[in-house]
């Protein structure tokens, strides 16, 4: 198989590869796997041994997707460090709820202490999930200003939580129900 025919085959099946992979991995990772499939195909030294290049590309893509899933599963299971805390929450579910409610209360207090513009940008980003562009339009501010407000608010909230002895290593504070209540109370009339 010539390099040009490798490219032709790849271009012809790229859409099918994408549809195939979407059922296996998150959509945001599909393009990376497709690109890696093409790279692997190009790296094959003796392409004349490949009888069906489409089949080869699909098998390669499938194997790359399975490797991705194994890595993702490893990342999920390797995050379990503090077994005692997990066991305590397992046997006493109220512990987790009380701790979460207390942390959420502190988080709300931290947000109330922020300057209004920073508070609003932070809530739009972290609670409502607005993109930077959406926040810029909503608040009628430029990108550097919005970024500055969000970074400043995040730093102040983290510092506030640390000052109150709340460890934030990868933890989300509060539930979605709490976050909605917070956003409605904190965002005010400008919605």
C-alpha atoms as a PDB file:
ATOM      1  CA  UNK A   1       0.000   0.000   0.000  1.00  0.00           C
ATOM      2  CA  UNK A   2       1.365   3.403  -0.978  1.00  0.00           C
ATOM      3  CA  UNK A   3       1.374   6.354   1.468  1.00  0.00           C
ATOM      4  CA  UNK A   4      -1.163   8.165  -0.697  1.00  0.00           C
ATOM      5  CA  UNK A   5      -3.556   5.209  -0.573  1.00  0.00           C
ATOM      6  CA  UNK A   6      -3.163   5.092   3.241  1.00  0.00           C
ATOM      7  CA  UNK A   7      -4.357   8.671   3.352  1.00  0.00           C
ATOM      8  CA  UNK A   8      -7.176   7.969   0.920  1.00  0.00           C
ATOM      9  CA  UNK A   9      -8.414   5.017   2.960  1.00  0.00           C
ATOM     10  CA  UNK A  10      -8.177   7.065   6.145  1.00  0.00           C
ATOM     11  CA  UNK A  11     -10.113  10.002   4.675  1.00  0.00           C
ATOM     12  CA  UNK A  12     -12.789   7.633   3.347  1.00  0.00           C
ATOM     13  CA  UNK A  13     -13.403   5.901   6.690  1.00  0.00           C
ATOM     14  CA  UNK A  14     -12.767   8.751   9.138  1.00  0.00           C
ATOM     15  CA  UNK A  15     -16.481   9.494   9.657  1.00  0.00           C
ATOM     16  CA  UNK A  16     -17.276   5.804  10.179  1.00  0.00           C
ATOM     17  CA  UNK A  17     -14.377   5.492  12.610  1.00  0.00           C
ATOM     18  CA  UNK A  18     -15.743   8.449  14.538  1.00  0.00           C
ATOM     19  CA  UNK A  19     -19.237   6.927  14.784  1.00  0.00           C
ATOM     20  CA  UNK A  20     -17.691   3.622  15.826  1.00  0.00           C
ATOM     21  CA  UNK A  21     -15.593   5.190  18.591  1.00  0.00           C
ATOM     22  CA  UNK A  22     -18.332   7.431  20.000  1.00  0.00           C
ATOM     23  CA  UNK A  23     -20.012   4.342  21.411  1.00  0.00           C
ATOM     24  CA  UNK A  24     -16.820   3.392  23.263  1.00  0.00           C
ATOM     25  CA  UNK A  25     -15.158   6.563  24.582  1.00  0.00           C
ATOM     26  CA  UNK A  26     -16.225  10.113  25.477  1.00  0.00           C
ATOM     27  CA  UNK A  27     -16.780  12.244  22.358  1.00  0.00           C
ATOM     28  CA  UNK A  28     -13.992  14.660  23.331  1.00  0.00           C
ATOM     29  CA  UNK A  29     -11.436  11.820  23.004  1.00  0.00           C
ATOM     30  CA  UNK A  30     -12.627  10.412  19.684  1.00  0.00           C
ATOM     31  CA  UNK A  31     -10.551  12.757  17.503  1.00  0.00           C
ATOM     32  CA  UNK A  32      -7.354  11.965  19.436  1.00  0.00           C
ATOM     33  CA  UNK A  33      -7.894   8.243  18.972  1.00  0.00           C
ATOM     34  CA  UNK A  34      -8.630   8.696  15.262  1.00  0.00           C
ATOM     35  CA  UNK A  35      -5.424  10.698  14.816  1.00  0.00           C
ATOM     36  CA  UNK A  36      -3.420   8.105  16.722  1.00  0.00           C
ATOM     37  CA  UNK A  37      -4.939   5.399  14.490  1.00  0.00           C
ATOM     38  CA  UNK A  38      -3.671   7.214  11.409  1.00  0.00           C
ATOM     39  CA  UNK A  39      -0.236   7.716  12.952  1.00  0.00           C
ATOM     40  CA  UNK A  40      -0.017   4.008  13.777  1.00  0.00           C
ATOM     41  CA  UNK A  41      -1.034   3.113  10.232  1.00  0.00           C
ATOM     42  CA  UNK A  42       1.668   5.393   8.831  1.00  0.00           C
ATOM     43  CA  UNK A  43       4.290   3.833  11.117  1.00  0.00           C
ATOM     44  CA  UNK A  44       3.722   0.336   9.729  1.00  0.00           C
ATOM     45  CA  UNK A  45       6.892  -0.414   7.785  1.00  0.00           C
ATOM     46  CA  UNK A  46       5.659  -3.180   5.503  1.00  0.00           C
ATOM     47  CA  UNK A  47       2.133  -2.167   4.489  1.00  0.00           C
ATOM     48  CA  UNK A  48       2.014  -4.905   1.847  1.00  0.00           C
ATOM     49  CA  UNK A  49       1.346  -7.383   4.681  1.00  0.00           C
ATOM     50  CA  UNK A  50      -1.930  -5.597   5.473  1.00  0.00           C
ATOM     51  CA  UNK A  51      -4.652  -7.307   3.446  1.00  0.00           C
ATOM     52  CA  UNK A  52      -7.524  -5.000   4.394  1.00  0.00           C
ATOM     53  CA  UNK A  53      -6.439  -1.533   5.475  1.00  0.00           C
ATOM     54  CA  UNK A  54      -9.954  -0.501   6.584  1.00  0.00           C
ATOM     55  CA  UNK A  55     -10.195  -3.487   8.867  1.00  0.00           C
ATOM     56  CA  UNK A  56      -6.700  -2.798  10.179  1.00  0.00           C
ATOM     57  CA  UNK A  57      -7.639   0.808  11.010  1.00  0.00           C
ATOM     58  CA  UNK A  58     -10.848  -0.245  12.770  1.00  0.00           C
ATOM     59  CA  UNK A  59      -8.980  -2.848  14.837  1.00  0.00           C
ATOM     60  CA  UNK A  60      -6.287  -0.315  15.700  1.00  0.00           C
ATOM     61  CA  UNK A  61      -8.896   2.286  16.700  1.00  0.00           C
ATOM     62  CA  UNK A  62     -10.762  -0.301  18.796  1.00  0.00           C
ATOM     63  CA  UNK A  63      -7.554  -1.317  20.579  1.00  0.00           C
ATOM     64  CA  UNK A  64      -6.619   2.312  21.240  1.00  0.00           C
ATOM     65  CA  UNK A  65     -10.116   2.963  22.641  1.00  0.00           C
ATOM     66  CA  UNK A  66      -9.842  -0.085  24.905  1.00  0.00           C
ATOM     67  CA  UNK A  67      -6.426   1.133  26.100  1.00  0.00           C
ATOM     68  CA  UNK A  68      -7.979   4.543  26.819  1.00  0.00           C
ATOM     69  CA  UNK A  69     -10.752   2.890  28.854  1.00  0.00           C
ATOM     70  CA  UNK A  70      -8.232   0.848  30.855  1.00  0.00           C
ATOM     71  CA  UNK A  71      -6.249   4.000  31.667  1.00  0.00           C
ATOM     72  CA  UNK A  72      -9.429   5.821  32.685  1.00  0.00           C
ATOM     73  CA  UNK A  73     -10.473   2.933  34.931  1.00  0.00           C
ATOM     74  CA  UNK A  74      -7.024   2.898  36.538  1.00  0.00           C
ATOM     75  CA  UNK A  75      -7.262   6.634  37.234  1.00  0.00           C
ATOM     76  CA  UNK A  76     -10.669   6.135  38.872  1.00  0.00           C
ATOM     77  CA  UNK A  77      -9.594   3.281  41.120  1.00  0.00           C
ATOM     78  CA  UNK A  78      -6.212   4.757  42.046  1.00  0.00           C
ATOM     79  CA  UNK A  79      -7.939   7.775  43.629  1.00  0.00           C
ATOM     80  CA  UNK A  80      -9.070   5.717  46.642  1.00  0.00           C
ATOM     81  CA  UNK A  81      -6.555   6.677  49.317  1.00  0.00           C
ATOM     82  CA  UNK A  82      -8.385   7.158  52.581  1.00  0.00           C
ATOM     83  CA  UNK A  83     -10.210   3.892  53.258  1.00  0.00           C
ATOM     84  CA  UNK A  84     -11.172   4.819  56.838  1.00  0.00           C
ATOM     85  CA  UNK A  85     -13.098   7.891  55.671  1.00  0.00           C
ATOM     86  CA  UNK A  86     -14.865   5.854  52.991  1.00  0.00           C
ATOM     87  CA  UNK A  87     -15.801   3.156  55.507  1.00  0.00           C
ATOM     88  CA  UNK A  88     -17.094   5.761  57.965  1.00  0.00           C
ATOM     89  CA  UNK A  89     -19.318   7.272  55.270  1.00  0.00           C
ATOM     90  CA  UNK A  90     -20.430   3.800  54.171  1.00  0.00           C
ATOM     91  CA  UNK A  91     -21.587   2.803  57.671  1.00  0.00           C
ATOM     92  CA  UNK A  92     -22.863   6.233  58.653  1.00  0.00           C
ATOM     93  CA  UNK A  93     -24.295   8.085  55.650  1.00  0.00           C
ATOM     94  CA  UNK A  94     -25.284  11.057  57.819  1.00  0.00           C
ATOM     95  CA  UNK A  95     -21.591  11.837  58.399  1.00  0.00           C
ATOM     96  CA  UNK A  96     -21.060  12.605  54.713  1.00  0.00           C
ATOM     97  CA  UNK A  97     -24.217  14.722  54.539  1.00  0.00           C
ATOM     98  CA  UNK A  98     -23.380  16.731  57.671  1.00  0.00           C
ATOM     99  CA  UNK A  99     -19.804  17.340  56.554  1.00  0.00           C
ATOM    100  CA  UNK A 100     -21.022  18.319  53.111  1.00  0.00           C
ATOM    101  CA  UNK A 101     -23.634  20.709  54.536  1.00  0.00           C
ATOM    102  CA  UNK A 102     -21.063  22.353  56.836  1.00  0.00           C
ATOM    103  CA  UNK A 103     -18.569  22.725  54.002  1.00  0.00           C
ATOM    104  CA  UNK A 104     -21.287  24.117  51.777  1.00  0.00           C
ATOM    105  CA  UNK A 105     -22.209  26.681  54.424  1.00  0.00           C
ATOM    106  CA  UNK A 106     -18.587  27.810  54.582  1.00  0.00           C
ATOM    107  CA  UNK A 107     -18.435  27.890  50.800  1.00  0.00           C
ATOM    108  CA  UNK A 108     -21.529  30.161  50.692  1.00  0.00           C
ATOM    109  CA  UNK A 109     -19.945  32.429  53.299  1.00  0.00           C
ATOM    110  CA  UNK A 110     -16.765  32.590  51.209  1.00  0.00           C
ATOM    111  CA  UNK A 111     -18.752  33.614  48.137  1.00  0.00           C
ATOM    112  CA  UNK A 112     -20.697  36.264  50.082  1.00  0.00           C
ATOM    113  CA  UNK A 113     -17.342  37.882  50.982  1.00  0.00           C
ATOM    114  CA  UNK A 114     -16.321  38.315  47.338  1.00  0.00           C
ATOM    115  CA  UNK A 115     -16.651  41.648  45.515  1.00  0.00           C
ATOM    116  CA  UNK A 116     -19.920  41.676  43.516  1.00  0.00           C
ATOM    117  CA  UNK A 117     -18.332  41.444  40.035  1.00  0.00           C
ATOM    118  CA  UNK A 118     -16.023  38.590  41.061  1.00  0.00           C
ATOM    119  CA  UNK A 119     -18.909  36.890  42.821  1.00  0.00           C
ATOM    120  CA  UNK A 120     -21.111  37.075  39.736  1.00  0.00           C
ATOM    121  CA  UNK A 121     -18.405  35.869  37.316  1.00  0.00           C
ATOM    122  CA  UNK A 122     -17.504  33.011  39.671  1.00  0.00           C
ATOM    123  CA  UNK A 123     -21.117  31.852  40.035  1.00  0.00           C
ATOM    124  CA  UNK A 124     -21.767  32.041  36.306  1.00  0.00           C
ATOM    125  CA  UNK A 125     -18.668  29.924  35.662  1.00  0.00           C
ATOM    126  CA  UNK A 126     -18.727  27.414  38.514  1.00  0.00           C
ATOM    127  CA  UNK A 127     -22.440  27.023  39.223  1.00  0.00           C
ATOM    128  CA  UNK A 128     -24.110  27.652  35.885  1.00  0.00           C
ATOM    129  CA  UNK A 129     -21.201  26.344  33.801  1.00  0.00           C
ATOM    130  CA  UNK A 130     -21.078  29.358  31.493  1.00  0.00           C
ATOM    131  CA  UNK A 131     -18.177  29.556  29.061  1.00  0.00           C
ATOM    132  CA  UNK A 132     -15.819  32.512  29.221  1.00  0.00           C
ATOM    133  CA  UNK A 133     -17.452  33.969  26.121  1.00  0.00           C
ATOM    134  CA  UNK A 134     -20.948  33.677  27.649  1.00  0.00           C
ATOM    135  CA  UNK A 135     -19.792  35.397  30.840  1.00  0.00           C
ATOM    136  CA  UNK A 136     -18.186  38.180  28.807  1.00  0.00           C
ATOM    137  CA  UNK A 137     -21.498  38.766  27.010  1.00  0.00           C
ATOM    138  CA  UNK A 138     -23.600  38.481  30.174  1.00  0.00           C
ATOM    139  CA  UNK A 139     -21.435  40.893  32.169  1.00  0.00           C
ATOM    140  CA  UNK A 140     -20.391  43.107  29.244  1.00  0.00           C
ATOM    141  CA  UNK A 141     -16.702  42.763  30.166  1.00  0.00           C
ATOM    142  CA  UNK A 142     -13.550  41.831  28.268  1.00  0.00           C
ATOM    143  CA  UNK A 143     -11.862  38.438  28.486  1.00  0.00           C
ATOM    144  CA  UNK A 144      -8.904  39.516  30.684  1.00  0.00           C
ATOM    145  CA  UNK A 145     -11.280  41.148  33.166  1.00  0.00           C
ATOM    146  CA  UNK A 146     -13.569  38.111  33.380  1.00  0.00           C
ATOM    147  CA  UNK A 147     -10.591  35.776  33.770  1.00  0.00           C
ATOM    148  CA  UNK A 148      -9.190  38.019  36.487  1.00  0.00           C
ATOM    149  CA  UNK A 149     -12.504  37.999  38.380  1.00  0.00           C
ATOM    150  CA  UNK A 150     -12.780  34.196  38.212  1.00  0.00           C
ATOM    151  CA  UNK A 151      -9.169  33.557  39.233  1.00  0.00           C
ATOM    152  CA  UNK A 152      -9.365  36.085  42.054  1.00  0.00           C
ATOM    153  CA  UNK A 153     -12.665  34.654  43.318  1.00  0.00           C
ATOM    154  CA  UNK A 154     -11.343  31.102  43.183  1.00  0.00           C
ATOM    155  CA  UNK A 155      -8.204  32.020  45.129  1.00  0.00           C
ATOM    156  CA  UNK A 156     -10.207  33.902  47.769  1.00  0.00           C
ATOM    157  CA  UNK A 157     -12.708  31.040  48.181  1.00  0.00           C
ATOM    158  CA  UNK A 158      -9.938  28.461  48.504  1.00  0.00           C
ATOM    159  CA  UNK A 159      -8.120  30.628  51.042  1.00  0.00           C
ATOM    160  CA  UNK A 160     -11.325  31.170  53.020  1.00  0.00           C
ATOM    161  CA  UNK A 161     -12.006  27.420  53.105  1.00  0.00           C
ATOM    162  CA  UNK A 162      -8.411  26.669  54.166  1.00  0.00           C
ATOM    163  CA  UNK A 163      -8.628  29.301  56.904  1.00  0.00           C
ATOM    164  CA  UNK A 164     -11.632  27.353  58.193  1.00  0.00           C
ATOM    165  CA  UNK A 165      -9.755  24.027  58.040  1.00  0.00           C
ATOM    166  CA  UNK A 166     -11.560  22.582  55.042  1.00  0.00           C
ATOM    167  CA  UNK A 167      -9.292  20.458  52.828  1.00  0.00           C
ATOM    168  CA  UNK A 168     -10.138  20.937  49.138  1.00  0.00           C
ATOM    169  CA  UNK A 169      -7.998  18.317  47.394  1.00  0.00           C
ATOM    170  CA  UNK A 170     -10.192  17.650  44.353  1.00  0.00           C
ATOM    171  CA  UNK A 171     -13.397  17.851  46.394  1.00  0.00           C
ATOM    172  CA  UNK A 172     -16.523  19.537  45.099  1.00  0.00           C
ATOM    173  CA  UNK A 173     -18.291  21.493  47.788  1.00  0.00           C
ATOM    174  CA  UNK A 174     -22.010  21.020  48.077  1.00  0.00           C
ATOM    175  CA  UNK A 175     -24.482  19.239  45.898  1.00  0.00           C
ATOM    176  CA  UNK A 176     -26.160  20.506  42.744  1.00  0.00           C
ATOM    177  CA  UNK A 177     -29.257  21.330  44.824  1.00  0.00           C
ATOM    178  CA  UNK A 178     -27.102  23.494  47.093  1.00  0.00           C
ATOM    179  CA  UNK A 179     -25.362  25.103  44.148  1.00  0.00           C
ATOM    180  CA  UNK A 180     -28.670  26.117  42.571  1.00  0.00           C
ATOM    181  CA  UNK A 181     -29.834  27.684  45.838  1.00  0.00           C
ATOM    182  CA  UNK A 182     -26.509  29.474  46.107  1.00  0.00           C
ATOM    183  CA  UNK A 183     -26.617  30.761  42.580  1.00  0.00           C
ATOM    184  CA  UNK A 184     -30.135  32.139  42.911  1.00  0.00           C
ATOM    185  CA  UNK A 185     -29.312  33.857  46.178  1.00  0.00           C
ATOM    186  CA  UNK A 186     -25.920  35.140  45.114  1.00  0.00           C
ATOM    187  CA  UNK A 187     -26.539  36.105  41.510  1.00  0.00           C
ATOM    188  CA  UNK A 188     -29.272  38.589  42.345  1.00  0.00           C
ATOM    189  CA  UNK A 189     -31.657  40.150  39.882  1.00  0.00           C
ATOM    190  CA  UNK A 190     -29.180  40.309  36.952  1.00  0.00           C
ATOM    191  CA  UNK A 191     -29.926  37.059  35.188  1.00  0.00           C
END
